[in-house]
N, C-alpha and C. Protein backbone atom coordinates (compact mmCIF):
# COMPACT_ATOMS: atom_id res chain seq x y z
N MET A 1 0.59 -1.30 0.06
CA MET A 1 0.13 0.35 -0.12
C MET A 1 1.00 1.23 -0.37
N GLY A 2 0.47 1.91 -0.68
CA GLY A 2 1.28 3.50 -0.56
C GLY A 2 1.41 4.08 0.61
N ASN A 3 1.42 5.49 0.66
CA ASN A 3 1.62 6.20 1.93
C ASN A 3 0.11 7.08 1.75
N TYR A 4 -0.74 7.09 0.85
CA TYR A 4 -1.54 8.21 0.91
C TYR A 4 -2.72 7.78 1.82
N LYS A 5 -4.08 8.74 2.62
CA LYS A 5 -4.22 8.47 3.33
C LYS A 5 -5.05 9.90 3.24
N ILE A 6 -6.61 9.56 4.00
CA ILE A 6 -6.89 10.22 4.10
C ILE A 6 -8.53 10.63 5.30
N SER A 7 -8.90 11.42 6.13
CA SER A 7 -10.06 10.67 6.67
C SER A 7 -11.47 10.83 6.22
N ILE A 8 -12.27 10.50 6.85
CA ILE A 8 -13.68 10.57 5.83
C ILE A 8 -14.60 11.45 5.29
N ASN A 9 -14.41 13.00 6.85
CA ASN A 9 -15.35 13.49 6.37
C ASN A 9 -14.56 14.70 5.34
N GLN A 10 -13.31 14.13 5.57
CA GLN A 10 -12.39 15.45 4.13
C GLN A 10 -12.34 14.77 3.21
N LEU A 11 -12.56 13.51 3.03
CA LEU A 11 -12.87 12.96 1.39
C LEU A 11 -13.96 13.54 1.00
N ALA A 12 -15.04 13.56 1.74
CA ALA A 12 -16.11 13.79 1.37
C ALA A 12 -16.64 15.16 1.44
N ASP A 13 -15.46 15.99 2.16
CA ASP A 13 -14.81 17.84 1.97
C ASP A 13 -14.27 18.26 0.52
N PHE A 14 -13.28 17.08 0.11
CA PHE A 14 -12.64 16.67 -1.03
C PHE A 14 -13.42 16.69 -2.27
N ALA A 15 -14.64 15.61 -2.29
CA ALA A 15 -15.32 15.76 -3.50
C ALA A 15 -16.30 17.20 -4.20
N PHE A 16 -15.71 17.75 -3.37
CA PHE A 16 -16.94 19.17 -3.96
C PHE A 16 -16.29 20.38 -3.52
N ALA A 17 -14.23 19.88 -3.54
CA ALA A 17 -13.46 21.14 -3.12
C ALA A 17 -13.16 21.52 -4.67
N THR A 18 -12.67 22.71 -4.57
CA THR A 18 -12.27 23.60 -5.78
C THR A 18 -10.48 23.34 -5.75
N ASP A 19 -9.99 23.42 -6.80
CA ASP A 19 -9.25 23.35 -6.83
C ASP A 19 -8.15 23.19 -5.81
N ALA A 20 -8.34 24.69 -4.82
CA ALA A 20 -7.77 25.45 -4.01
C ALA A 20 -7.34 24.33 -2.76
N LYS A 21 -8.99 24.43 -2.29
CA LYS A 21 -9.41 23.84 -1.22
C LYS A 21 -8.48 22.55 -1.44
N LYS A 22 -8.72 21.66 -3.36
CA LYS A 22 -8.56 20.51 -2.81
C LYS A 22 -6.83 20.02 -2.43
N ARG A 23 -5.75 20.84 -2.92
CA ARG A 23 -4.79 20.87 -2.87
C ARG A 23 -4.57 21.28 -1.10
N SER A 24 -5.05 22.17 -0.19
CA SER A 24 -4.78 22.85 0.92
C SER A 24 -5.46 21.29 1.65
N ILE A 25 -6.66 20.79 1.52
CA ILE A 25 -6.62 18.91 2.08
C ILE A 25 -5.61 18.64 2.25
N ILE A 26 -5.08 17.92 1.15
CA ILE A 26 -3.57 16.80 1.16
C ILE A 26 -3.16 17.94 1.35
N LYS A 27 -2.56 19.17 2.06
CA LYS A 27 -1.25 19.51 2.78
C LYS A 27 -1.33 18.47 3.89
N GLN A 28 -2.77 19.53 4.53
CA GLN A 28 -3.08 19.35 5.76
C GLN A 28 -3.17 17.69 6.11
N GLN A 29 -3.48 16.52 5.02
CA GLN A 29 -3.36 15.32 5.30
C GLN A 29 -1.96 14.86 5.59
N LYS A 30 -0.96 15.45 4.03
CA LYS A 30 0.44 15.16 4.52
C LYS A 30 1.24 15.28 5.63
N LYS A 31 0.56 16.81 5.93
CA LYS A 31 1.65 17.38 7.03
C LYS A 31 0.54 17.20 8.59
N PRO A 32 -0.51 16.88 8.79
CA PRO A 32 -0.90 17.30 9.48
C PRO A 32 -0.83 18.19 11.37
N SER A 33 -0.68 19.10 11.50
CA SER A 33 -0.25 20.24 13.10
C SER A 33 -0.64 19.34 13.81
N PRO A 34 0.49 18.94 14.75
CA PRO A 34 0.64 18.78 16.34
C PRO A 34 -0.39 19.39 17.05
N PHE A 35 0.03 20.73 16.45
CA PHE A 35 -0.74 21.75 17.75
C PHE A 35 -2.90 22.29 17.43
N LEU A 36 -2.66 21.15 16.23
CA LEU A 36 -4.41 21.52 15.89
C LEU A 36 -5.34 20.91 17.41
N ILE A 37 -6.08 21.72 17.75
CA ILE A 37 -7.13 21.30 18.71
C ILE A 37 -8.48 20.96 17.91
N PRO A 38 -9.26 19.56 18.03
CA PRO A 38 -10.35 19.72 17.51
C PRO A 38 -11.82 20.32 18.16
N TRP A 39 -12.32 21.27 17.22
CA TRP A 39 -13.92 21.88 17.50
C TRP A 39 -14.49 21.06 18.17
N TYR A 40 -15.03 21.51 19.68
CA TYR A 40 -16.94 21.13 19.78
C TYR A 40 -16.77 20.00 20.44
N GLN A 41 -15.70 19.61 21.32
CA GLN A 41 -15.09 18.61 21.91
C GLN A 41 -16.63 17.56 22.61
N LEU A 42 -16.80 19.19 23.70
CA LEU A 42 -17.79 18.53 24.44
C LEU A 42 -19.46 18.11 23.86
N ALA A 43 -19.43 19.10 22.84
CA ALA A 43 -20.72 18.59 22.31
C ALA A 43 -20.98 17.33 21.29
N LYS A 44 -19.62 16.92 20.40
CA LYS A 44 -19.77 15.22 20.25
C LYS A 44 -19.94 14.31 21.17
N SER A 45 -19.46 14.68 22.34
CA SER A 45 -19.27 13.00 23.06
C SER A 45 -20.45 13.42 23.82
N LYS A 46 -21.53 14.19 23.68
CA LYS A 46 -22.56 14.43 24.03
C LYS A 46 -23.75 13.62 23.72
N ILE A 47 -23.66 14.24 22.48
CA ILE A 47 -24.30 13.62 20.91
C ILE A 47 -24.25 11.89 21.33
N ARG A 48 -22.76 11.40 20.84
CA ARG A 48 -22.36 10.40 21.16
C ARG A 48 -22.73 9.43 22.57
N LYS A 49 -23.17 9.98 23.39
CA LYS A 49 -23.33 9.41 24.53
C LYS A 49 -25.17 9.18 24.43
N SER A 50 -25.67 10.60 23.69
CA SER A 50 -27.55 10.47 23.53
C SER A 50 -27.73 9.28 22.24
N ILE A 51 -27.08 8.63 21.57
CA ILE A 51 -27.46 7.88 20.89
C ILE A 51 -26.92 6.39 21.35
N ALA A 52 -26.07 6.45 22.34
CA ALA A 52 -26.12 4.90 22.43
C ALA A 52 -26.87 4.68 23.60
N ALA A 53 -27.99 5.80 23.75
CA ALA A 53 -28.52 6.18 24.90
C ALA A 53 -29.96 6.13 24.47
N ASN A 54 -30.07 5.06 23.17
CA ASN A 54 -31.16 5.51 22.58
C ASN A 54 -31.75 6.70 22.21
N GLY A 55 -31.20 7.97 21.88
CA GLY A 55 -31.58 8.37 21.57
C GLY A 55 -31.91 9.80 22.89
N ASP A 56 -31.35 9.39 23.92
CA ASP A 56 -32.42 10.23 25.13
C ASP A 56 -31.70 11.36 25.39
N PHE A 57 -32.36 12.38 25.99
CA PHE A 57 -31.86 14.05 25.58
C PHE A 57 -31.35 13.87 26.53
N GLU A 58 -30.84 13.36 27.53
CA GLU A 58 -30.45 13.87 29.18
C GLU A 58 -29.16 13.78 28.91
N PRO A 59 -28.17 13.28 27.99
CA PRO A 59 -27.38 14.00 27.67
C PRO A 59 -26.47 15.27 27.41
N ILE A 60 -27.42 15.72 26.47
CA ILE A 60 -27.50 16.44 25.57
C ILE A 60 -27.65 17.89 26.65
N ASP A 61 -29.01 17.16 27.33
CA ASP A 61 -29.21 18.72 28.50
C ASP A 61 -28.17 19.14 28.72
N ASN A 62 -27.53 17.82 30.01
CA ASN A 62 -26.31 18.18 30.19
C ASN A 62 -25.11 18.70 29.70
N GLY A 63 -25.25 18.67 28.66
CA GLY A 63 -23.81 18.92 27.85
C GLY A 63 -24.16 20.85 28.03
N ILE A 64 -25.08 20.87 27.26
CA ILE A 64 -25.83 22.66 27.24
C ILE A 64 -25.93 23.32 28.62
N ASN A 65 -26.05 22.54 29.66
CA ASN A 65 -25.63 23.29 31.37
C ASN A 65 -24.42 23.54 31.17
N GLN A 66 -23.60 22.24 31.13
CA GLN A 66 -22.44 22.25 31.27
C GLN A 66 -21.62 22.88 30.29
N LEU A 67 -21.60 23.86 29.14
CA LEU A 67 -21.20 24.78 28.74
C LEU A 67 -21.69 26.30 29.31
N LYS A 68 -23.01 26.27 29.53
CA LYS A 68 -23.43 27.08 30.47
C LYS A 68 -22.45 27.93 31.08
N LEU A 69 -21.96 27.34 31.79
CA LEU A 69 -22.49 27.44 33.36
C LEU A 69 -19.80 27.44 32.75
N ARG A 70 -19.66 27.38 31.66
CA ARG A 70 -17.98 28.15 31.66
C ARG A 70 -18.20 29.68 30.97
N ASN A 71 -16.91 30.08 31.27
CA ASN A 71 -17.06 31.61 31.12
C ASN A 71 -15.34 31.81 30.72
N PRO A 72 -15.68 31.01 29.14
CA PRO A 72 -14.48 31.77 27.50
C PRO A 72 -13.41 32.65 28.19
N GLU A 73 -12.85 32.87 27.69
CA GLU A 73 -12.08 34.29 27.68
C GLU A 73 -11.54 34.42 26.55
N LYS A 74 -10.69 33.25 25.78
CA LYS A 74 -10.40 33.29 24.03
C LYS A 74 -11.43 32.86 23.14
N LYS A 75 -11.00 33.78 22.39
CA LYS A 75 -11.76 34.04 20.77
C LYS A 75 -12.45 32.45 21.14
N ARG A 76 -11.24 32.00 20.66
CA ARG A 76 -11.97 30.10 19.95
C ARG A 76 -12.16 29.55 20.73
N GLN A 77 -11.98 29.27 22.19
CA GLN A 77 -13.45 29.35 23.39
C GLN A 77 -15.01 29.75 23.87
N ILE A 78 -15.16 31.28 23.14
CA ILE A 78 -15.54 31.12 22.86
C ILE A 78 -16.82 30.95 22.08
N ILE A 79 -16.16 31.23 20.40
CA ILE A 79 -16.83 30.68 19.15
C ILE A 79 -17.09 28.48 19.58
N ASP A 80 -16.32 28.34 20.49
CA ASP A 80 -16.85 26.69 20.46
C ASP A 80 -17.73 26.59 21.54
N LYS A 81 -17.36 27.76 22.92
CA LYS A 81 -19.06 27.00 23.21
C LYS A 81 -20.47 27.65 22.93
N GLN A 82 -21.07 28.84 22.16
CA GLN A 82 -21.10 29.57 21.51
C GLN A 82 -21.93 27.53 19.88
N VAL A 83 -21.22 27.59 19.68
CA VAL A 83 -21.67 26.63 18.64
C VAL A 83 -22.33 24.81 18.97
N SER A 84 -21.52 25.35 19.89
CA SER A 84 -21.49 23.89 20.92
C SER A 84 -23.18 23.33 21.24
N ILE A 85 -23.60 24.99 21.68
CA ILE A 85 -24.76 24.78 22.82
C ILE A 85 -26.13 24.98 21.10
N GLU A 86 -25.56 24.96 20.37
CA GLU A 86 -26.06 25.72 18.75
C GLU A 86 -26.27 24.30 18.42
N ALA A 87 -25.49 23.13 18.06
CA ALA A 87 -25.33 22.31 17.49
C ALA A 87 -25.85 21.16 18.49
N LEU A 88 -25.61 21.24 20.07
CA LEU A 88 -26.68 20.78 21.19
C LEU A 88 -28.09 20.61 20.85
N ARG A 89 -29.29 21.63 20.80
CA ARG A 89 -29.99 22.23 20.82
C ARG A 89 -30.32 21.90 19.54
N ILE A 90 -29.65 21.71 18.05
CA ILE A 90 -30.04 21.17 16.93
C ILE A 90 -30.18 20.06 16.94
N PHE A 91 -29.69 19.12 17.35
CA PHE A 91 -29.49 17.88 17.74
C PHE A 91 -30.30 16.60 17.77
N LYS A 92 -31.12 18.10 19.20
CA LYS A 92 -33.00 17.49 19.61
C LYS A 92 -33.38 17.21 18.57
N GLU A 93 -33.86 18.22 17.93
CA GLU A 93 -35.06 18.03 16.25
C GLU A 93 -34.75 17.64 15.32
N ILE A 94 -33.35 16.88 15.45
CA ILE A 94 -32.92 15.78 14.50
C ILE A 94 -33.64 14.22 14.22
N LYS A 95 -34.64 13.74 13.86
CA LYS A 95 -34.92 12.77 14.02
C LYS A 95 -34.53 11.25 13.52
N LEU A 96 -33.90 10.72 14.88
CA LEU A 96 -33.06 8.70 13.55
C LEU A 96 -33.57 7.82 13.44
N PRO A 97 -33.44 7.00 13.22
CA PRO A 97 -34.29 5.86 12.59
C PRO A 97 -34.88 5.53 13.88
N GLU A 98 -36.25 4.63 13.82
CA GLU A 98 -36.81 4.36 15.08
C GLU A 98 -36.40 3.23 15.45
N LEU A 99 -35.29 2.19 15.04
CA LEU A 99 -34.82 1.14 15.50
C LEU A 99 -34.02 2.27 15.90
N LEU A 100 -32.71 2.84 16.42
CA LEU A 100 -32.36 3.56 17.56
C LEU A 100 -33.22 4.03 18.60
N LYS A 101 -34.01 3.92 18.46
CA LYS A 101 -34.56 4.56 19.41
C LYS A 101 -35.68 3.51 20.05
N ASP A 102 -36.10 2.03 19.34
CA ASP A 102 -36.83 1.60 19.76
C ASP A 102 -36.61 0.15 20.28
N ILE A 103 -35.86 0.02 20.14
CA ILE A 103 -34.87 -1.21 19.83
C ILE A 103 -34.18 -1.09 20.76
N PRO A 104 -33.93 -2.04 22.00
CA PRO A 104 -32.35 -1.59 23.06
C PRO A 104 -31.35 -2.20 22.05
N PHE A 105 -29.48 -1.65 21.51
CA PHE A 105 -29.13 -1.60 21.41
C PHE A 105 -27.45 -2.14 21.64
N GLU A 106 -26.56 -2.59 21.51
CA GLU A 106 -25.23 -3.11 22.45
C GLU A 106 -24.09 -2.05 21.82
N ILE A 107 -23.78 -1.29 22.83
CA ILE A 107 -22.48 -0.52 21.81
C ILE A 107 -21.35 -1.57 22.08
N ILE A 108 -20.27 -1.17 20.56
CA ILE A 108 -20.02 -2.54 19.84
C ILE A 108 -17.67 -1.49 20.21
N LYS A 109 -17.38 -1.72 21.06
CA LYS A 109 -16.10 -1.41 21.35
C LYS A 109 -15.52 -0.92 20.09
N SER A 110 -14.60 0.39 19.82
CA SER A 110 -13.62 0.64 18.85
C SER A 110 -12.79 -0.04 18.56
N LYS A 111 -12.95 -0.26 17.28
CA LYS A 111 -11.61 -2.00 16.57
C LYS A 111 -9.93 -0.99 17.04
N LYS A 112 -9.24 -1.47 16.52
CA LYS A 112 -8.09 -0.54 16.28
C LYS A 112 -7.83 -0.24 15.11
N VAL A 113 -8.40 -1.59 13.98
CA VAL A 113 -8.29 -0.96 12.78
C VAL A 113 -9.34 0.38 12.97
N LYS A 114 -8.52 1.37 11.78
CA LYS A 114 -9.62 2.34 12.09
C LYS A 114 -10.04 2.48 10.92
N SER A 115 -9.33 1.84 9.52
CA SER A 115 -9.63 2.39 8.38
C SER A 115 -9.99 1.04 6.82
N ILE A 116 -10.24 1.85 5.95
CA ILE A 116 -10.24 0.36 4.38
C ILE A 116 -9.45 1.14 3.88
N TYR A 117 -8.70 0.57 2.71
CA TYR A 117 -8.19 0.96 2.06
C TYR A 117 -9.14 1.02 -0.08
N ILE A 118 -9.33 1.78 0.05
CA ILE A 118 -9.56 2.68 -1.16
C ILE A 118 -9.29 2.84 -2.19
N ASN A 119 -8.93 2.11 -3.23
CA ASN A 119 -7.89 2.43 -4.49
C ASN A 119 -6.94 2.94 -4.04
N GLY A 120 -6.65 2.10 -3.07
CA GLY A 120 -5.06 2.33 -2.96
C GLY A 120 -4.92 3.52 -2.02
N VAL A 121 -5.74 4.29 -1.41
CA VAL A 121 -5.80 5.24 -0.60
C VAL A 121 -6.12 4.73 0.81
N GLU A 122 -5.68 4.81 2.31
CA GLU A 122 -5.80 4.27 3.14
C GLU A 122 -7.45 5.69 3.58
N VAL A 123 -8.11 5.39 4.04
CA VAL A 123 -9.34 6.25 4.58
C VAL A 123 -9.47 5.97 5.61
N LYS A 124 -9.15 6.84 6.68
CA LYS A 124 -9.81 6.56 7.73
C LYS A 124 -11.19 6.52 8.66
N ILE A 125 -11.92 6.03 8.71
CA ILE A 125 -13.17 6.17 9.03
C ILE A 125 -13.61 6.70 10.41
N SER A 126 -13.32 5.22 11.23
CA SER A 126 -13.29 6.03 12.84
C SER A 126 -15.29 6.95 13.36
N PRO A 127 -15.43 5.55 12.35
CA PRO A 127 -17.37 6.02 13.70
C PRO A 127 -17.05 6.38 14.29
N ASP A 128 -18.38 7.02 15.10
CA ASP A 128 -18.34 8.14 15.96
C ASP A 128 -18.83 7.25 17.36
N VAL A 129 -20.38 6.43 16.69
CA VAL A 129 -20.47 4.94 17.33
C VAL A 129 -21.08 3.93 16.48
N ILE A 130 -20.48 2.47 16.94
CA ILE A 130 -21.22 1.19 16.56
C ILE A 130 -22.34 0.60 17.20
N TYR A 131 -23.34 -0.19 16.89
CA TYR A 131 -23.91 -1.04 17.66
C TYR A 131 -24.30 -1.82 16.94
N ARG A 132 -25.15 -2.45 17.96
CA ARG A 132 -25.50 -4.07 17.72
C ARG A 132 -27.28 -4.33 17.96
N ILE A 133 -27.38 -4.45 17.43
CA ILE A 133 -29.02 -5.04 17.46
C ILE A 133 -29.63 -6.07 16.79
N ASN A 134 -30.00 -6.84 18.15
CA ASN A 134 -30.64 -8.30 17.54
C ASN A 134 -32.10 -8.00 17.93
N ILE A 135 -32.76 -8.62 16.61
CA ILE A 135 -34.04 -8.65 16.25
C ILE A 135 -34.56 -10.22 15.66
N GLY A 136 -35.16 -10.55 16.42
CA GLY A 136 -35.96 -11.92 15.68
C GLY A 136 -34.96 -13.10 15.94
N GLY A 137 -33.20 -12.79 17.23
CA GLY A 137 -32.32 -13.69 16.84
C GLY A 137 -31.78 -13.50 15.55
N GLN A 138 -31.58 -12.22 14.94
CA GLN A 138 -30.53 -11.94 14.60
C GLN A 138 -30.04 -11.10 14.85
N LYS A 139 -28.36 -11.19 14.76
CA LYS A 139 -27.62 -10.23 15.12
C LYS A 139 -27.41 -9.05 13.65
N TYR A 140 -27.76 -7.67 13.58
CA TYR A 140 -27.51 -6.20 13.39
C TYR A 140 -26.48 -5.63 13.26
N ILE A 141 -25.76 -4.89 12.62
CA ILE A 141 -24.28 -4.08 13.36
C ILE A 141 -24.80 -2.92 12.46
N GLY A 142 -24.62 -1.45 12.55
CA GLY A 142 -24.40 0.06 12.01
C GLY A 142 -23.73 0.51 12.89
N GLY A 143 -23.95 2.24 12.47
CA GLY A 143 -22.21 2.90 12.83
C GLY A 143 -23.35 3.58 12.50
N ILE A 144 -22.10 5.53 12.99
CA ILE A 144 -23.00 6.29 13.39
C ILE A 144 -21.56 7.63 12.45
N LYS A 145 -21.69 8.19 11.94
CA LYS A 145 -20.61 8.84 11.36
C LYS A 145 -21.03 10.87 11.59
N LEU A 146 -20.60 11.76 12.68
CA LEU A 146 -21.00 13.11 12.63
C LEU A 146 -19.92 14.21 12.46
N HIS A 147 -20.88 14.64 11.32
CA HIS A 147 -20.57 15.91 11.46
C HIS A 147 -21.08 17.01 11.38
N VAL A 148 -19.71 18.05 12.81
CA VAL A 148 -20.14 19.30 13.15
C VAL A 148 -19.59 19.99 12.51
N ALA A 149 -20.11 21.07 11.48
CA ALA A 149 -19.73 21.99 10.98
C ALA A 149 -20.82 22.96 10.84
N LYS A 150 -20.69 24.10 11.52
CA LYS A 150 -21.24 25.01 11.13
C LYS A 150 -21.31 26.33 9.93
N GLY A 151 -20.14 26.31 9.84
CA GLY A 151 -19.86 26.39 8.08
C GLY A 151 -19.65 26.00 6.95
N ASN A 152 -19.65 24.33 7.28
CA ASN A 152 -19.34 23.42 6.29
C ASN A 152 -21.14 22.37 5.80
N ILE A 153 -21.46 22.85 5.56
CA ILE A 153 -22.49 21.81 5.63
C ILE A 153 -22.59 20.74 4.65
N PHE A 154 -22.81 19.20 4.76
CA PHE A 154 -22.59 18.48 3.30
C PHE A 154 -23.45 18.47 2.52
N GLN A 155 -23.87 18.36 1.48
CA GLN A 155 -24.14 18.10 0.73
C GLN A 155 -24.78 16.15 0.59
N SER A 156 -26.21 16.06 -0.48
CA SER A 156 -26.82 14.59 0.14
C SER A 156 -25.85 13.71 -0.60
N LYS A 157 -25.16 13.89 -1.42
CA LYS A 157 -24.03 13.14 -2.27
C LYS A 157 -22.80 12.66 -1.30
N GLN A 158 -22.63 13.90 -0.60
CA GLN A 158 -21.70 13.86 0.36
C GLN A 158 -22.16 12.94 1.78
N LEU A 159 -22.85 13.22 2.13
CA LEU A 159 -23.14 12.56 3.23
C LEU A 159 -23.57 10.40 2.28
N LYS A 160 -23.88 10.69 1.60
CA LYS A 160 -24.11 9.30 1.28
C LYS A 160 -22.43 8.66 0.84
N TYR A 161 -21.43 9.58 0.51
CA TYR A 161 -20.81 8.74 0.50
C TYR A 161 -20.15 8.80 2.00
N ILE A 162 -19.99 9.20 3.14
CA ILE A 162 -19.47 8.64 4.13
C ILE A 162 -20.53 7.43 5.25
N SER A 163 -22.16 7.22 4.42
CA SER A 163 -22.20 6.39 4.59
C SER A 163 -22.65 4.80 3.93
N SER A 164 -21.75 5.14 3.01
CA SER A 164 -21.37 3.94 2.22
C SER A 164 -19.79 3.43 2.11
N LEU A 165 -19.10 4.71 3.35
CA LEU A 165 -17.49 4.00 3.47
C LEU A 165 -18.19 3.10 4.87
N ILE A 166 -18.90 4.42 5.26
CA ILE A 166 -19.40 3.22 6.80
C ILE A 166 -20.00 1.35 6.81
N TYR A 167 -20.38 1.65 5.80
CA TYR A 167 -20.61 0.31 5.13
C TYR A 167 -20.09 -0.81 5.28
N GLU A 168 -18.54 -0.53 4.04
CA GLU A 168 -17.92 -0.84 3.82
C GLU A 168 -17.31 -1.35 4.85
N TYR A 169 -16.87 -0.41 5.49
CA TYR A 169 -15.84 -0.22 6.76
C TYR A 169 -16.10 -1.80 7.99
N LEU A 170 -17.87 -1.66 8.49
CA LEU A 170 -18.70 -2.59 9.06
C LEU A 170 -18.22 -3.57 8.59
N ASN A 171 -18.19 -4.08 7.62
CA ASN A 171 -18.05 -5.46 6.85
C ASN A 171 -16.95 -5.84 6.67
N GLU A 172 -16.08 -5.59 6.14
CA GLU A 172 -14.20 -5.72 5.88
C GLU A 172 -14.01 -5.70 7.68
N ILE A 173 -14.31 -4.56 8.59
CA ILE A 173 -13.62 -4.66 10.40
C ILE A 173 -14.11 -5.30 10.66
N VAL A 174 -15.99 -5.06 10.87
CA VAL A 174 -16.10 -4.99 12.72
C VAL A 174 -17.68 -5.69 12.82
N ALA A 175 -17.81 -6.40 11.05
CA ALA A 175 -18.50 -7.74 11.58
C ALA A 175 -18.33 -8.98 11.51
N ASN A 176 -18.80 -10.33 12.46
CA ASN A 176 -19.17 -11.32 12.48
C ASN A 176 -19.51 -11.99 11.69
N GLU A 177 -18.51 -13.10 11.63
CA GLU A 177 -19.96 -14.63 10.99
C GLU A 177 -21.68 -14.22 10.78
N ASP A 178 -22.02 -14.30 12.82
CA ASP A 178 -23.44 -15.06 12.37
C ASP A 178 -23.97 -12.91 12.29
N GLU A 179 -22.87 -11.85 12.22
CA GLU A 179 -23.50 -10.59 11.60
C GLU A 179 -24.00 -10.09 10.70
N ILE A 180 -24.75 -8.50 10.63
CA ILE A 180 -25.23 -8.47 8.99
C ILE A 180 -24.96 -7.73 9.03
N VAL A 181 -24.78 -6.50 8.37
CA VAL A 181 -24.57 -5.69 8.66
C VAL A 181 -25.51 -4.36 7.40
N MET A 182 -26.27 -3.99 8.40
CA MET A 182 -27.57 -3.17 7.88
C MET A 182 -27.78 -1.87 7.38
N LYS A 183 -27.80 -1.61 5.85
CA LYS A 183 -27.04 0.09 5.50
C LYS A 183 -28.90 1.13 6.13
N GLU A 184 -29.74 0.72 6.29
CA GLU A 184 -30.21 1.13 7.02
C GLU A 184 -29.64 2.04 8.22
N LEU A 185 -28.45 1.38 9.22
CA LEU A 185 -28.27 1.97 10.23
C LEU A 185 -26.74 2.12 10.03
N CYS A 186 -26.33 2.97 8.84
CA CYS A 186 -25.09 2.94 8.33
C CYS A 186 -25.05 4.24 8.26
N LEU A 187 -24.83 5.23 9.79
CA LEU A 187 -25.56 6.67 8.61
C LEU A 187 -24.44 7.84 9.63
N SER A 188 -24.58 9.08 8.33
CA SER A 188 -24.38 10.22 8.88
C SER A 188 -24.59 10.72 8.78
N LEU A 189 -24.50 11.23 9.56
CA LEU A 189 -25.37 12.82 10.53
C LEU A 189 -24.37 14.34 10.34
N ASP A 190 -25.11 15.13 9.70
CA ASP A 190 -24.93 16.35 9.47
C ASP A 190 -25.32 17.77 10.11
N VAL A 191 -25.05 17.99 12.42
CA VAL A 191 -25.73 18.55 12.57
C VAL A 191 -26.81 19.59 12.11
N PHE A 192 -25.81 20.25 11.41
CA PHE A 192 -26.42 21.34 11.25
C PHE A 192 -26.84 21.32 10.30
N GLY A 193 -26.90 20.66 9.06
CA GLY A 193 -27.53 20.31 7.88
C GLY A 193 -29.10 19.67 8.27
N LYS A 194 -28.66 19.02 9.64
CA LYS A 194 -30.39 18.76 10.22
C LYS A 194 -30.58 17.52 9.30
N ARG A 195 -29.66 16.84 9.24
CA ARG A 195 -30.20 15.47 7.91
C ARG A 195 -28.90 14.16 8.85
N VAL A 196 -29.90 13.16 8.58
CA VAL A 196 -29.34 11.81 8.40
C VAL A 196 -28.86 11.37 7.76
N ILE A 197 -28.57 10.28 7.23
CA ILE A 197 -28.79 10.30 5.60
C ILE A 197 -27.32 8.97 5.94
N SER A 198 -27.95 6.97 5.65
CA SER A 198 -28.28 6.01 5.17
C SER A 198 -27.39 5.48 4.12
N ALA A 199 -27.26 4.64 3.91
CA ALA A 199 -26.32 4.18 2.96
C ALA A 199 -27.42 4.06 1.66
N PRO A 200 -27.12 4.14 0.95
CA PRO A 200 -27.69 4.11 -0.40
C PRO A 200 -27.88 1.96 -0.49
N ASN A 201 -29.46 1.61 -0.50
CA ASN A 201 -29.20 0.14 -1.02
C ASN A 201 -28.28 -0.60 -2.60
N ASP A 202 -28.24 1.11 -3.21
CA ASP A 202 -27.26 0.40 -4.53
C ASP A 202 -26.27 0.93 -3.95
N ASP A 203 -25.34 0.81 -3.81
CA ASP A 203 -24.38 1.86 -2.77
C ASP A 203 -22.97 1.40 -4.34
N MET A 204 -23.45 0.83 -5.34
CA MET A 204 -22.51 1.06 -6.32
C MET A 204 -21.94 2.15 -6.97
N LYS A 205 -23.32 3.14 -6.87
CA LYS A 205 -22.68 4.74 -7.58
C LYS A 205 -21.58 4.65 -6.82
N SER A 206 -22.00 4.84 -5.79
CA SER A 206 -20.98 5.59 -4.62
C SER A 206 -20.62 5.60 -4.26
N ILE A 207 -19.29 3.59 -4.50
CA ILE A 207 -18.52 3.70 -4.87
C ILE A 207 -17.28 3.61 -5.86
N LYS A 208 -17.67 3.87 -6.74
CA LYS A 208 -17.78 4.27 -7.87
C LYS A 208 -17.10 5.43 -8.08
N THR A 209 -17.41 6.35 -7.79
CA THR A 209 -16.56 7.88 -7.19
C THR A 209 -16.32 7.49 -6.59
N LEU A 210 -16.19 7.82 -5.04
CA LEU A 210 -15.22 6.93 -4.34
C LEU A 210 -13.78 6.62 -4.63
N ASN A 211 -13.96 5.87 -5.94
CA ASN A 211 -12.14 4.78 -7.10
C ASN A 211 -12.22 6.08 -7.62
N GLU A 212 -12.91 6.63 -7.75
CA GLU A 212 -12.28 7.91 -8.64
C GLU A 212 -12.14 9.05 -7.69
N LEU A 213 -12.34 9.28 -7.03
CA LEU A 213 -12.50 10.70 -5.68
C LEU A 213 -10.58 9.73 -5.10
N CYS A 214 -10.65 8.87 -4.86
CA CYS A 214 -9.14 8.05 -4.44
C CYS A 214 -8.52 8.60 -5.29
N GLY A 215 -8.21 8.30 -6.14
CA GLY A 215 -7.65 9.00 -7.98
C GLY A 215 -7.50 9.59 -7.82
N GLU A 216 -8.17 10.59 -7.67
CA GLU A 216 -7.96 11.92 -7.74
C GLU A 216 -6.42 12.73 -6.33
N ILE A 217 -7.23 12.11 -5.62
CA ILE A 217 -6.64 12.12 -4.31
C ILE A 217 -4.61 11.57 -4.34
N LYS A 218 -4.51 10.49 -5.28
CA LYS A 218 -3.44 10.09 -5.19
C LYS A 218 -2.52 11.08 -6.24
N TRP A 219 -3.59 11.65 -7.18
CA TRP A 219 -2.43 12.86 -8.05
C TRP A 219 -2.23 13.89 -7.15
N TRP A 220 -3.09 14.28 -6.70
CA TRP A 220 -2.92 16.23 -5.63
C TRP A 220 -1.66 15.72 -4.66
N TRP A 221 -1.81 14.07 -4.56
CA TRP A 221 -1.07 14.08 -2.93
C TRP A 221 0.57 14.06 -3.91
N ASN A 222 0.71 13.78 -5.04
CA ASN A 222 2.06 13.65 -6.10
C ASN A 222 2.60 15.06 -6.09
N ILE A 223 1.48 16.35 -6.05
CA ILE A 223 1.86 17.31 -7.21
C ILE A 223 1.86 18.37 -5.48
N ALA A 224 0.81 18.17 -4.42
CA ALA A 224 0.68 19.42 -3.48
C ALA A 224 1.67 19.61 -2.59
């Protein structure tokens, strides 16, 4: 395998980016900043907990209260607090699949292997939550990837690429022989876009496009 690599949300971003943005994304992937601090960590953590609790909003409300008690001084911290509270409030408006609300499920611990390879490019999937549901004695698994970016709302196609990649990852890395990966439970959730999109039933078109995108990533990687 080559050294080409990209994270799942950055791949979705790359799909509709300008040439200048594509170059920027690849440069960031090639040389990630060691000082880069992720945004909205508390909000994302509370959303993950809410999903893991069958959509219970208690973690969301706790998160909002925690954030309200913060007294940030730096501009970044002020923005993080404001946007995090907004994200948590919006999440309460988003409708998750009924299966994740009606049927108790088991959380599957994250695997050491976080990536799959598409056309020679390592794509880091790292779902935010992976779950197992038992329906009539049959075990089904699914996973969800969050996107929390107020200024960068994903299009439906981008969300389909992400949910398709989650489906491929779960099949390749996570599912046991007695488990079926359910496409309806392979979800891409864009908080500020207020949308949840599952893996398409016929995902061959998405996979074909992803193969082409990864070929383009390799081209940019060698010139960026």
